[in-house]
C-alpha atoms as a PDB file:
ATOM      1  CA  MET A   1     -26.282  22.751   4.136  1.00  0.00           C
ATOM      2  CA  ARG A   2     -24.784  19.400   4.894  1.00  0.00           C
ATOM      3  CA  HIS A   3     -27.220  17.656   2.575  1.00  0.00           C
ATOM      4  CA  ALA A   4     -26.574  20.104  -0.242  1.00  0.00           C
ATOM      5  CA  ALA A   5     -22.858  19.344   0.071  1.00  0.00           C
ATOM      6  CA  GLY A   6     -23.694  15.697  -0.157  1.00  0.00           C
ATOM      7  CA  VAL A   7     -25.494  16.275  -3.520  1.00  0.00           C
ATOM      8  CA  VAL A   8     -22.517  18.205  -4.902  1.00  0.00           C
ATOM      9  CA  ALA A   9     -20.093  15.430  -3.712  1.00  0.00           C
ATOM     10  CA  LEU A  10     -22.185  12.712  -5.330  1.00  0.00           C
ATOM     11  CA  ALA A  11     -22.452  14.569  -8.599  1.00  0.00           C
ATOM     12  CA  VAL A  12     -18.762  15.639  -8.851  1.00  0.00           C
ATOM     13  CA  LEU A  13     -17.044  12.644  -7.331  1.00  0.00           C
ATOM     14  CA  ALA A  14     -19.076   9.725  -8.572  1.00  0.00           C
ATOM     15  CA  ALA A  15     -16.566   9.017 -11.375  1.00  0.00           C
ATOM     16  CA  ALA A  16     -13.459  10.066  -9.429  1.00  0.00           C
ATOM     17  CA  ALA A  17     -10.692   7.581  -8.501  1.00  0.00           C
ATOM     18  CA  ALA A  18     -10.094   7.081  -4.754  1.00  0.00           C
ATOM     19  CA  ARG A  19      -7.097   9.240  -3.941  1.00  0.00           C
ATOM     20  CA  GLY A  20      -6.466   8.692  -0.177  1.00  0.00           C
ATOM     21  CA  ASP A  21      -2.908   9.458   0.901  1.00  0.00           C
ATOM     22  CA  GLU A  22      -0.948  11.898  -1.225  1.00  0.00           C
ATOM     23  CA  ALA A  23       2.502  13.580  -1.082  1.00  0.00           C
ATOM     24  CA  ARG A  24       3.643  16.515  -3.221  1.00  0.00           C
ATOM     25  CA  ILE A  25       7.408  16.468  -3.614  1.00  0.00           C
ATOM     26  CA  VAL A  26       9.569  19.128  -5.260  1.00  0.00           C
ATOM     27  CA  LEU A  27      12.623  17.752  -7.109  1.00  0.00           C
ATOM     28  CA  PRO A  28      15.499  19.405  -8.994  1.00  0.00           C
ATOM     29  CA  THR A  29      15.909  18.561 -12.747  1.00  0.00           C
ATOM     30  CA  ALA A  30      18.567  15.853 -12.383  1.00  0.00           C
ATOM     31  CA  LEU A  31      16.380  13.822 -10.049  1.00  0.00           C
ATOM     32  CA  ALA A  32      13.133  14.552 -11.869  1.00  0.00           C
ATOM     33  CA  ALA A  33      14.596  12.835 -14.876  1.00  0.00           C
ATOM     34  CA  ARG A  34      14.851   9.572 -12.915  1.00  0.00           C
ATOM     35  CA  VAL A  35      11.228   9.550 -11.636  1.00  0.00           C
ATOM     36  CA  GLU A  36       9.317   6.444 -12.557  1.00  0.00           C
ATOM     37  CA  THR A  37       5.831   7.731 -13.350  1.00  0.00           C
ATOM     38  CA  GLY A  38       2.748   5.553 -13.470  1.00  0.00           C
ATOM     39  CA  ARG A  39       2.022   2.839 -10.942  1.00  0.00           C
ATOM     40  CA  ARG A  40       4.737   1.054  -8.887  1.00  0.00           C
ATOM     41  CA  CYS A  41       4.740  -0.446  -5.398  1.00  0.00           C
ATOM     42  CA  GLY A  42       1.004   0.367  -5.111  1.00  0.00           C
ATOM     43  CA  LEU A  43       1.850   4.023  -5.591  1.00  0.00           C
ATOM     44  CA  ASP A  44       0.524   6.280  -8.373  1.00  0.00           C
ATOM     45  CA  VAL A  45       3.307   8.717  -9.425  1.00  0.00           C
ATOM     46  CA  GLY A  46       2.728  11.759 -11.566  1.00  0.00           C
ATOM     47  CA  LEU A  47       5.047  14.510 -12.602  1.00  0.00           C
ATOM     48  CA  GLU A  48       4.501  18.182 -13.488  1.00  0.00           C
ATOM     49  CA  PRO A  49       7.485  20.045 -14.936  1.00  0.00           C
ATOM     50  CA  ARG A  50       8.474  23.230 -13.246  1.00  0.00           C
ATOM     51  CA  PRO A  51      11.299  25.751 -13.897  1.00  0.00           C
ATOM     52  CA  GLY A  52      14.439  24.087 -12.588  1.00  0.00           C
ATOM     53  CA  GLY A  53      12.775  20.770 -11.720  1.00  0.00           C
ATOM     54  CA  ALA A  54       9.392  19.237 -11.209  1.00  0.00           C
ATOM     55  CA  LEU A  55       6.516  18.721  -8.801  1.00  0.00           C
ATOM     56  CA  VAL A  56       5.936  15.014  -8.195  1.00  0.00           C
ATOM     57  CA  THR A  57       2.656  13.757  -6.856  1.00  0.00           C
ATOM     58  CA  VAL A  58       2.646  10.323  -5.088  1.00  0.00           C
ATOM     59  CA  SER A  59      -0.760   8.900  -4.095  1.00  0.00           C
ATOM     60  CA  ARG A  60      -2.299   5.681  -2.959  1.00  0.00           C
ATOM     61  CA  SER A  61      -5.497   4.354  -1.442  1.00  0.00           C
ATOM     62  CA  ALA A  62      -5.113   1.740   1.276  1.00  0.00           C
ATOM     63  CA  ARG A  63      -7.567  -1.229   0.904  1.00  0.00           C
ATOM     64  CA  ALA A  64      -7.382  -4.724   2.227  1.00  0.00           C
ATOM     65  CA  PHE A  65      -6.177  -7.550  -0.055  1.00  0.00           C
ATOM     66  CA  PRO A  66      -9.106  -9.256  -1.651  1.00  0.00           C
ATOM     67  CA  VAL A  67      -7.460 -12.789  -1.358  1.00  0.00           C
ATOM     68  CA  ALA A  68      -4.433 -14.529   0.150  1.00  0.00           C
ATOM     69  CA  PRO A  69      -2.772 -16.396  -2.806  1.00  0.00           C
ATOM     70  CA  ALA A  70      -1.880 -20.008  -2.070  1.00  0.00           C
ATOM     71  CA  TYR A  71       1.660 -21.111  -1.415  1.00  0.00           C
ATOM     72  CA  PRO A  72       3.621 -22.528  -3.139  1.00  0.00           C
ATOM     73  CA  LEU A  73       2.859 -20.146  -6.027  1.00  0.00           C
ATOM     74  CA  ALA A  74       1.716 -22.184  -8.954  1.00  0.00           C
ATOM     75  CA  HIS A  75       3.290 -20.047 -11.690  1.00  0.00           C
ATOM     76  CA  ALA A  76       6.025 -17.955 -10.105  1.00  0.00           C
ATOM     77  CA  ALA A  77       7.808 -17.618 -13.548  1.00  0.00           C
ATOM     78  CA  ALA A  78       4.801 -15.612 -14.742  1.00  0.00           C
ATOM     79  CA  CYS A  79       6.039 -12.603 -12.730  1.00  0.00           C
ATOM     80  CA  GLY A  80       7.738 -11.272 -15.870  1.00  0.00           C
ATOM     81  CA  ASP A  81      11.163 -10.674 -14.264  1.00  0.00           C
ATOM     82  CA  ALA A  82      13.643 -13.532 -14.939  1.00  0.00           C
ATOM     83  CA  ASP A  83      16.033 -12.243 -12.253  1.00  0.00           C
ATOM     84  CA  ALA A  84      13.339 -12.154  -9.503  1.00  0.00           C
ATOM     85  CA  LEU A  85      13.855 -15.836  -8.694  1.00  0.00           C
ATOM     86  CA  ALA A  86      17.704 -15.911  -8.967  1.00  0.00           C
ATOM     87  CA  VAL A  87      19.424 -16.967  -5.816  1.00  0.00           C
ATOM     88  CA  PRO A  88      22.913 -18.592  -5.160  1.00  0.00           C
ATOM     89  CA  ALA A  89      22.614 -22.330  -4.579  1.00  0.00           C
ATOM     90  CA  SER A  90      24.655 -21.960  -1.336  1.00  0.00           C
ATOM     91  CA  PHE A  91      22.069 -19.542   0.185  1.00  0.00           C
ATOM     92  CA  GLN A  92      19.984 -21.376   2.737  1.00  0.00           C
ATOM     93  CA  LEU A  93      16.879 -20.444   4.716  1.00  0.00           C
ATOM     94  CA  PRO A  94      17.043 -20.181   8.545  1.00  0.00           C
ATOM     95  CA  LEU A  95      15.476 -23.198  10.206  1.00  0.00           C
ATOM     96  CA  ASP A  96      12.133 -21.622  11.122  1.00  0.00           C
ATOM     97  CA  LEU A  97      11.595 -20.197   7.629  1.00  0.00           C
ATOM     98  CA  ARG A  98      12.660 -23.510   6.079  1.00  0.00           C
ATOM     99  CA  ARG A  99      10.013 -25.319   8.036  1.00  0.00           C
ATOM    100  CA  LEU A 100       7.469 -22.785   6.971  1.00  0.00           C
ATOM    101  CA  ALA A 101       8.474 -23.151   3.357  1.00  0.00           C
ATOM    102  CA  GLU A 102       7.921 -26.865   3.451  1.00  0.00           C
ATOM    103  CA  ARG A 103       4.258 -26.541   4.353  1.00  0.00           C
ATOM    104  CA  PRO A 104       1.428 -25.283   2.077  1.00  0.00           C
ATOM    105  CA  GLY A 105      -0.408 -22.158   3.084  1.00  0.00           C
ATOM    106  CA  SER A 106      -0.619 -18.492   2.121  1.00  0.00           C
ATOM    107  CA  ALA A 107       2.052 -16.725   0.010  1.00  0.00           C
ATOM    108  CA  LEU A 108       1.179 -13.501   1.776  1.00  0.00           C
ATOM    109  CA  ALA A 109       1.865 -15.106   5.123  1.00  0.00           C
ATOM    110  CA  ARG A 110       5.239 -16.274   3.866  1.00  0.00           C
ATOM    111  CA  LEU A 111       6.035 -12.728   2.764  1.00  0.00           C
ATOM    112  CA  VAL A 112       5.090 -11.373   6.222  1.00  0.00           C
ATOM    113  CA  SER A 113       7.247 -14.052   7.936  1.00  0.00           C
ATOM    114  CA  ALA A 114      10.283 -13.306   5.789  1.00  0.00           C
ATOM    115  CA  VAL A 115      10.044  -9.578   6.291  1.00  0.00           C
ATOM    116  CA  SER A 116       9.418  -9.987  10.038  1.00  0.00           C
ATOM    117  CA  PHE A 117      12.437 -12.267  10.271  1.00  0.00           C
ATOM    118  CA  VAL A 118      14.751  -9.637   8.688  1.00  0.00           C
ATOM    119  CA  SER A 119      13.229  -6.886  10.807  1.00  0.00           C
ATOM    120  CA  ARG A 120      14.218  -8.870  14.012  1.00  0.00           C
ATOM    121  CA  ALA A 121      17.482 -10.473  12.937  1.00  0.00           C
ATOM    122  CA  VAL A 122      19.148  -7.568  11.113  1.00  0.00           C
ATOM    123  CA  ALA A 123      19.440  -4.264  12.988  1.00  0.00           C
ATOM    124  CA  LEU A 124      19.260  -1.116  10.882  1.00  0.00           C
ATOM    125  CA  ASP A 125      22.562   0.689  10.811  1.00  0.00           C
ATOM    126  CA  GLU A 126      23.021   3.241   8.072  1.00  0.00           C
ATOM    127  CA  ASP A 127      26.667   3.569   9.085  1.00  0.00           C
ATOM    128  CA  ASP A 128      27.429  -0.081   8.552  1.00  0.00           C
ATOM    129  CA  ALA A 129      30.480  -0.308   6.206  1.00  0.00           C
ATOM    130  CA  GLY A 130      30.305  -4.038   5.593  1.00  0.00           C
ATOM    131  CA  PRO A 131      29.021  -5.773   2.450  1.00  0.00           C
ATOM    132  CA  GLN A 132      25.344  -5.477   1.999  1.00  0.00           C
ATOM    133  CA  ASP A 133      24.534  -8.679   0.241  1.00  0.00           C
ATOM    134  CA  ALA A 134      21.944 -10.993   1.836  1.00  0.00           C
ATOM    135  CA  VAL A 135      24.392 -13.590   3.243  1.00  0.00           C
ATOM    136  CA  SER A 136      26.612 -10.904   4.815  1.00  0.00           C
ATOM    137  CA  VAL A 137      24.016  -8.879   6.608  1.00  0.00           C
ATOM    138  CA  LEU A 138      22.192 -11.997   7.900  1.00  0.00           C
ATOM    139  CA  ALA A 139      25.458 -13.330   9.231  1.00  0.00           C
ATOM    140  CA  ARG A 140      26.458 -10.057  10.731  1.00  0.00           C
ATOM    141  CA  GLY A 141      23.070  -9.177  12.170  1.00  0.00           C
ATOM    142  CA  ARG A 142      23.082  -5.586  10.949  1.00  0.00           C
ATOM    143  CA  GLY A 143      23.027  -3.623   7.743  1.00  0.00           C
ATOM    144  CA  ARG A 144      21.932  -0.553   5.937  1.00  0.00           C
ATOM    145  CA  CYS A 145      18.382  -0.268   4.357  1.00  0.00           C
ATOM    146  CA  SER A 146      19.901  -1.836   1.176  1.00  0.00           C
ATOM    147  CA  GLY A 147      21.242  -4.783   3.184  1.00  0.00           C
ATOM    148  CA  ARG A 148      17.948  -5.443   4.828  1.00  0.00           C
ATOM    149  CA  ALA A 149      16.140  -5.278   1.542  1.00  0.00           C
ATOM    150  CA  ASN A 150      18.652  -7.609  -0.076  1.00  0.00           C
ATOM    151  CA  ALA A 151      18.183 -10.062   2.810  1.00  0.00           C
ATOM    152  CA  ALA A 152      14.426 -10.098   2.553  1.00  0.00           C
ATOM    153  CA  VAL A 153      14.618 -10.531  -1.187  1.00  0.00           C
ATOM    154  CA  GLY A 154      17.101 -13.381  -0.877  1.00  0.00           C
ATOM    155  CA  LEU A 155      14.833 -15.213   1.659  1.00  0.00           C
ATOM    156  CA  LEU A 156      11.730 -14.871  -0.449  1.00  0.00           C
ATOM    157  CA  ARG A 157      13.512 -16.020  -3.626  1.00  0.00           C
ATOM    158  CA  ARG A 158      14.759 -19.086  -1.763  1.00  0.00           C
ATOM    159  CA  MET A 159      11.158 -19.721  -0.720  1.00  0.00           C
ATOM    160  CA  GLY A 160      10.112 -19.648  -4.400  1.00  0.00           C
ATOM    161  CA  ILE A 161       8.454 -16.197  -4.242  1.00  0.00           C
ATOM    162  CA  PRO A 162       9.784 -13.757  -6.892  1.00  0.00           C
ATOM    163  CA  ALA A 163      11.246 -10.643  -5.244  1.00  0.00           C
ATOM    164  CA  ARG A 164      13.348  -7.652  -6.171  1.00  0.00           C
ATOM    165  CA  VAL A 165      14.789  -4.509  -4.605  1.00  0.00           C
ATOM    166  CA  VAL A 166      13.269  -1.109  -5.267  1.00  0.00           C
ATOM    167  CA  HIS A 167      15.565   1.930  -5.473  1.00  0.00           C
ATOM    168  CA  GLY A 168      14.397   5.389  -4.647  1.00  0.00           C
ATOM    169  CA  LEU A 169      14.014   8.109  -2.112  1.00  0.00           C
ATOM    170  CA  MET A 170      12.406   8.400   1.313  1.00  0.00           C
ATOM    171  CA  VAL A 171      11.269  11.975   1.693  1.00  0.00           C
ATOM    172  CA  GLY A 172      10.852  13.278   5.239  1.00  0.00           C
ATOM    173  CA  ASP A 173       9.742  16.638   6.627  1.00  0.00           C
ATOM    174  CA  GLY A 174      13.321  17.792   6.911  1.00  0.00           C
ATOM    175  CA  GLY A 175      14.592  16.504   3.481  1.00  0.00           C
ATOM    176  CA  ALA A 176      15.181  13.299   1.592  1.00  0.00           C
ATOM    177  CA  ARG A 177      17.548  10.358   1.786  1.00  0.00           C
ATOM    178  CA  TRP A 178      18.402   7.504  -0.596  1.00  0.00           C
ATOM    179  CA  HIS A 179      16.428   4.378   0.350  1.00  0.00           C
ATOM    180  CA  ARG A 180      16.005   0.712  -0.660  1.00  0.00           C
ATOM    181  CA  TRP A 181      12.931  -1.379  -0.075  1.00  0.00           C
ATOM    182  CA  GLY A 182      11.443  -4.386  -1.856  1.00  0.00           C
ATOM    183  CA  GLU A 183       8.488  -5.900  -3.700  1.00  0.00           C
ATOM    184  CA  ALA A 184       7.342  -9.452  -4.045  1.00  0.00           C
ATOM    185  CA  TRP A 185       5.204 -11.019  -6.737  1.00  0.00           C
ATOM    186  CA  LEU A 186       2.131 -12.727  -5.241  1.00  0.00           C
ATOM    187  CA  GLY A 187       0.221 -14.105  -8.196  1.00  0.00           C
ATOM    188  CA  ARG A 188      -3.007 -12.310  -8.834  1.00  0.00           C
ATOM    189  CA  LEU A 189      -2.019  -9.676  -6.216  1.00  0.00           C
ATOM    190  CA  GLY A 190       0.889  -8.744  -8.461  1.00  0.00           C
ATOM    191  CA  TRP A 191       4.015  -6.961  -7.175  1.00  0.00           C
ATOM    192  CA  THR A 192       3.431  -6.238  -3.546  1.00  0.00           C
ATOM    193  CA  PRO A 193       5.678  -3.787  -1.665  1.00  0.00           C
ATOM    194  CA  PHE A 194       7.461  -4.306   1.636  1.00  0.00           C
ATOM    195  CA  ASP A 195      10.112  -2.582   3.794  1.00  0.00           C
ATOM    196  CA  PRO A 196      11.803  -4.480   6.648  1.00  0.00           C
ATOM    197  CA  GLY A 197      11.151  -2.652   9.911  1.00  0.00           C
ATOM    198  CA  ALA A 198       8.203  -0.682   8.417  1.00  0.00           C
ATOM    199  CA  ALA A 199       5.496  -2.434   6.383  1.00  0.00           C
ATOM    200  CA  VAL A 200       4.144  -5.284   4.273  1.00  0.00           C
ATOM    201  CA  GLY A 201       1.623  -4.790   1.554  1.00  0.00           C
ATOM    202  CA  LEU A 202       2.083  -1.067   1.155  1.00  0.00           C
ATOM    203  CA  VAL A 203       4.527   1.739   1.733  1.00  0.00           C
ATOM    204  CA  SER A 204       3.972   5.403   2.600  1.00  0.00           C
ATOM    205  CA  VAL A 205       3.547   8.081  -0.045  1.00  0.00           C
ATOM    206  CA  ARG A 206       6.970   9.397   1.268  1.00  0.00           C
ATOM    207  CA  TYR A 207       8.560   6.648  -0.823  1.00  0.00           C
ATOM    208  CA  LEU A 208       9.474   7.694  -4.326  1.00  0.00           C
ATOM    209  CA  PRO A 209      10.686   4.950  -6.795  1.00  0.00           C
ATOM    210  CA  LEU A 210      13.376   6.003  -9.245  1.00  0.00           C
ATOM    211  CA  VAL A 211      14.866   4.533 -12.427  1.00  0.00           C
ATOM    212  CA  GLY A 212      18.363   3.153 -11.960  1.00  0.00           C
ATOM    213  CA  SER A 213      20.329   1.970  -8.961  1.00  0.00           C
ATOM    214  CA  GLY A 214      23.031   4.619  -8.527  1.00  0.00           C
ATOM    215  CA  GLU A 215      22.664   7.369  -5.927  1.00  0.00           C
ATOM    216  CA  GLY A 216      24.492  10.026  -8.071  1.00  0.00           C
ATOM    217  CA  PRO A 217      22.620  13.359  -8.061  1.00  0.00           C
ATOM    218  CA  SER A 218      22.641  15.615  -4.993  1.00  0.00           C
ATOM    219  CA  LEU A 219      19.472  15.589  -2.878  1.00  0.00           C
ATOM    220  CA  ALA A 220      19.735  19.363  -2.322  1.00  0.00           C
ATOM    221  CA  GLY A 221      16.587  21.004  -3.334  1.00  0.00           C
ATOM    222  CA  VAL A 222      14.345  18.043  -2.584  1.00  0.00           C
ATOM    223  CA  PHE A 223      11.559  18.925  -0.205  1.00  0.00           C
ATOM    224  CA  LEU A 224       8.052  17.888   0.804  1.00  0.00           C
ATOM    225  CA  GLU A 225       5.526  20.534  -0.160  1.00  0.00           C
ATOM    226  CA  ARG A 226       2.555  18.700   1.317  1.00  0.00           C
ATOM    227  CA  ILE A 227       1.574  15.318   2.674  1.00  0.00           C
ATOM    228  CA  ASP A 228      -1.420  13.391   3.914  1.00  0.00           C
ATOM    229  CA  GLU A 229      -0.676   9.798   4.978  1.00  0.00           C
ATOM    230  CA  ARG A 230      -3.551   9.040   7.271  1.00  0.00           C
ATOM    231  CA  GLY A 231      -4.427   5.885   5.355  1.00  0.00           C
ATOM    232  CA  TYR A 232      -0.967   4.425   5.896  1.00  0.00           C
ATOM    233  CA  ILE A 233      -0.880   5.468   9.545  1.00  0.00           C
ATOM    234  CA  GLY A 234      -4.260   3.797  10.099  1.00  0.00           C
ATOM    235  CA  VAL A 235      -3.061   0.326   8.778  1.00  0.00           C
ATOM    236  CA  PRO A 236      -3.005  -2.340  11.555  1.00  0.00           C
ATOM    237  CA  VAL A 237       0.428  -2.906  13.105  1.00  0.00           C
ATOM    238  CA  ARG A 238       1.611  -6.511  13.757  1.00  0.00           C
ATOM    239  CA  ALA A 239       4.862  -7.014  15.632  1.00  0.00           C
ATOM    240  CA  GLY A 240       6.152  -3.639  14.666  1.00  0.00           C
ATOM    241  CA  LEU A 241       5.075  -3.805  10.957  1.00  0.00           C
ATOM    242  CA  ARG A 242       2.163  -2.178   9.310  1.00  0.00           C
ATOM    243  CA  VAL A 243       0.529  -5.179   7.542  1.00  0.00           C
ATOM    244  CA  LEU A 244      -2.211  -4.738   5.008  1.00  0.00           C
ATOM    245  CA  PRO A 245      -4.925  -7.326   6.044  1.00  0.00           C
ATOM    246  CA  VAL A 246      -6.854  -9.792   3.834  1.00  0.00           C
ATOM    247  CA  GLY A 247     -10.532  -9.265   3.324  1.00  0.00           C
ATOM    248  CA  GLY A 248     -11.117  -6.178   5.373  1.00  0.00           C
ATOM    249  CA  VAL A 249     -14.681  -5.045   6.139  1.00  0.00           C
ATOM    250  CA  THR A 250     -17.508  -5.455   3.636  1.00  0.00           C
ATOM    251  CA  LEU A 251     -20.126  -2.619   3.910  1.00  0.00           C
ATOM    252  CA  ARG A 252     -23.534  -3.361   2.360  1.00  0.00           C
ATOM    253  CA  CYS A 253     -25.908  -0.353   2.047  1.00  0.00           C
ATOM    254  CA  VAL A 254     -29.579  -1.110   1.369  1.00  0.00           C
ATOM    255  CA  ALA A 255     -31.787   1.555  -0.268  1.00  0.00           C
ATOM    256  CA  PRO A 256     -34.800   2.971   1.567  1.00  0.00           C
ATOM    257  CA  ALA A 257     -38.202   1.345   0.935  1.00  0.00           C
ATOM    258  CA  GLY A 258     -39.707   2.530  -2.316  1.00  0.00           C
ATOM    259  CA  ALA A 259     -36.424   3.688  -3.787  1.00  0.00           C
ATOM    260  CA  PRO A 260     -35.485   1.429  -6.721  1.00  0.00           C
ATOM    261  CA  GLN A 261     -32.015   2.934  -7.090  1.00  0.00           C
ATOM    262  CA  VAL A 262     -29.452   4.240  -4.721  1.00  0.00           C
ATOM    263  CA  THR A 263     -26.333   6.276  -5.367  1.00  0.00           C
ATOM    264  CA  ALA A 264     -23.754   6.408  -2.530  1.00  0.00           C
ATOM    265  CA  LEU A 265     -20.444   7.863  -1.839  1.00  0.00           C
ATOM    266  CA  LEU A 266     -18.211   6.489   0.907  1.00  0.00           C
ATOM    267  CA  VAL A 267     -15.414   8.733   2.304  1.00  0.00           C
ATOM    268  CA  GLY A 268     -12.707   6.898   4.256  1.00  0.00           C
ATOM    269  CA  PRO A 269     -10.563   7.919   7.233  1.00  0.00           C
ATOM    270  CA  ASP A 270      -7.761   9.073   4.907  1.00  0.00           C
ATOM    271  CA  GLY A 271     -10.069  10.986   2.545  1.00  0.00           C
ATOM    272  CA  SER A 272     -10.358   8.179  -0.022  1.00  0.00           C
ATOM    273  CA  ARG A 273     -13.647   8.171  -1.942  1.00  0.00           C
ATOM    274  CA  TRP A 274     -15.603   5.315  -3.526  1.00  0.00           C
ATOM    275  CA  ALA A 275     -18.800   5.965  -5.478  1.00  0.00           C
ATOM    276  CA  ARG A 276     -21.481   3.202  -6.136  1.00  0.00           C
ATOM    277  CA  ARG A 277     -24.777   3.111  -7.864  1.00  0.00           C
ATOM    278  CA  GLY A 278     -27.038   0.108  -7.712  1.00  0.00           C
ATOM    279  CA  GLU A 279     -30.536  -1.409  -7.674  1.00  0.00           C
ATOM    280  CA  ARG A 280     -31.805  -1.598  -4.093  1.00  0.00           C
ATOM    281  CA  GLU A 281     -28.231  -1.917  -2.680  1.00  0.00           C
ATOM    282  CA  VAL A 282     -24.623  -0.985  -3.081  1.00  0.00           C
ATOM    283  CA  VAL A 283     -21.555  -2.801  -1.693  1.00  0.00           C
ATOM    284  CA  PHE A 284     -18.149  -1.499  -0.580  1.00  0.00           C
ATOM    285  CA  GLY A 285     -15.540  -4.288   0.003  1.00  0.00           C
ATOM    286  CA  GLY A 286     -12.040  -4.388   1.488  1.00  0.00           C
ATOM    287  CA  MET A 287     -12.418  -1.480   3.813  1.00  0.00           C
ATOM    288  CA  LEU A 288      -9.858  -1.053   6.546  1.00  0.00           C
ATOM    289  CA  PRO A 289     -11.007  -0.361  10.150  1.00  0.00           C
ATOM    290  CA  GLY A 290     -11.737   3.350  10.930  1.00  0.00           C
ATOM    291  CA  ARG A 291     -14.269   6.067  10.797  1.00  0.00           C
ATOM    292  CA  TYR A 292     -16.229   6.572   7.544  1.00  0.00           C
ATOM    293  CA  ARG A 293     -18.867   8.834   6.209  1.00  0.00           C
ATOM    294  CA  ILE A 294     -21.634   7.725   3.770  1.00  0.00           C
ATOM    295  CA  LEU A 295     -23.485  10.305   1.565  1.00  0.00           C
ATOM    296  CA  TRP A 296     -26.329   8.923  -0.487  1.00  0.00           C
ATOM    297  CA  ARG A 297     -29.320   9.892  -2.567  1.00  0.00           C
ATOM    298  CA  ALA A 298     -32.405   7.808  -3.064  1.00  0.00           C
ATOM    299  CA  GLY A 299     -35.655   9.023  -4.572  1.00  0.00           C
ATOM    300  CA  GLY A 300     -34.066  12.394  -5.115  1.00  0.00           C
ATOM    301  CA  ARG A 301     -33.380  13.166  -1.450  1.00  0.00           C
ATOM    302  CA  PRO A 302     -29.825  13.521  -0.100  1.00  0.00           C
ATOM    303  CA  ALA A 303     -28.710  12.138   3.215  1.00  0.00           C
ATOM    304  CA  ALA A 304     -25.508  11.369   5.257  1.00  0.00           C
ATOM    305  CA  LEU A 305     -24.324   9.077   7.995  1.00  0.00           C
ATOM    306  CA  ASP A 306     -21.112   8.737  10.012  1.00  0.00           C
ATOM    307  CA  LEU A 307     -20.062   5.197  11.132  1.00  0.00           C
ATOM    308  CA  VAL A 308     -17.091   3.281  12.433  1.00  0.00           C
ATOM    309  CA  LEU A 309     -16.022  -0.004  10.675  1.00  0.00           C
ATOM    310  CA  GLY A 310     -13.984  -2.667  12.476  1.00  0.00           C
ATOM    311  CA  GLY A 311     -14.490  -5.630  14.717  1.00  0.00           C
ATOM    312  CA  VAL A 312     -16.773  -7.492  12.401  1.00  0.00           C
ATOM    313  CA  PRO A 313     -16.161  -8.446   8.665  1.00  0.00           C
ATOM    314  CA  ASP A 314     -19.662  -7.666   7.407  1.00  0.00           C
ATOM    315  CA  VAL A 315     -21.703  -4.624   8.158  1.00  0.00           C
ATOM    316  CA  LEU A 316     -25.213  -3.928   6.869  1.00  0.00           C
ATOM    317  CA  VAL A 317     -26.627  -0.400   6.769  1.00  0.00           C
ATOM    318  CA  GLU A 318     -30.196   0.271   5.898  1.00  0.00           C
ATOM    319  CA  LEU A 319     -30.244   3.698   4.256  1.00  0.00           C
ATOM    320  CA  GLY A 320     -33.239   5.743   5.271  1.00  0.00           C
ATOM    321  CA  ALA A 321     -34.764   8.871   3.737  1.00  0.00           C
ATOM    322  CA  GLY A 322     -33.928  12.227   5.218  1.00  0.00           C
ATOM    323  CA  GLY A 323     -30.707  11.009   6.832  1.00  0.00           C
ATOM    324  CA  GLU A 324     -32.086   8.193   8.957  1.00  0.00           C
ATOM    325  CA  ALA A 325     -30.290   4.884   8.860  1.00  0.00           C
ATOM    326  CA  GLY A 326     -30.311   1.522  10.717  1.00  0.00           C
ATOM    327  CA  ARG A 327     -27.661  -1.094  11.153  1.00  0.00           C
END
């Protein structure tokens, strides 16, 4: 029965996109009109109209960054947002970040350093009544989510990394609240999300980007219909931040002897699915640590294997016939 299910999965899901984490959020009409559909902050946002509002689906698949772009960025102005590098001339970097900015290295590492600095130096206080600009919250050592996002954006811009604030909602199990986070442009990695105190490289599917900066409409009627965020929860934590790693694990699957072609489906810890077909072998790159399941077919026979990735960057699996495999 398990093998039959594997055949069905390979046939039906071979062309499917990896879904991974997903949230289904119900919004009233006024808020639904501000939903930014498509891809933003690494999130895929879709909208289905309903009487009195809409059902919004937010999904993402967590995979490691393929590369770490070099710092300084060679063509920062290519980000496409002229305001993303604007910073007052009087705004200066703290000493440790200034020293870091003076040395070549990784742009992603600079992003992590700036967000980590704000996470430590600016306490989150949603009742803070002071100005929320970068200079004010850094001097005061506390601020709302908007102030912490502004601070990180200001530091990144001063380091020559394009950055901007993202406006939207954070939807919890008990309701929603207005939220601000950020995204930085890292060359070939594009716009990369971050949230001081939470994560760098990705955000949860609880985050919903909206068009416009005002908070206006009431949040009454917003609720979480369903959520699966196992992928986000499984991202490694560094100094209190979930940080998407570079490289990840590369899984190479070799076909059984005598089988010229192999079709394989890899199912991740969060339910993400990746299908591959190849001559003699298939390769899955950028996998995060965790428990995976491989279903494959070679020579017309289905088989399956459970394995745990992590600890080493490269894993070789020799796919056998009838469910046998060696590593």
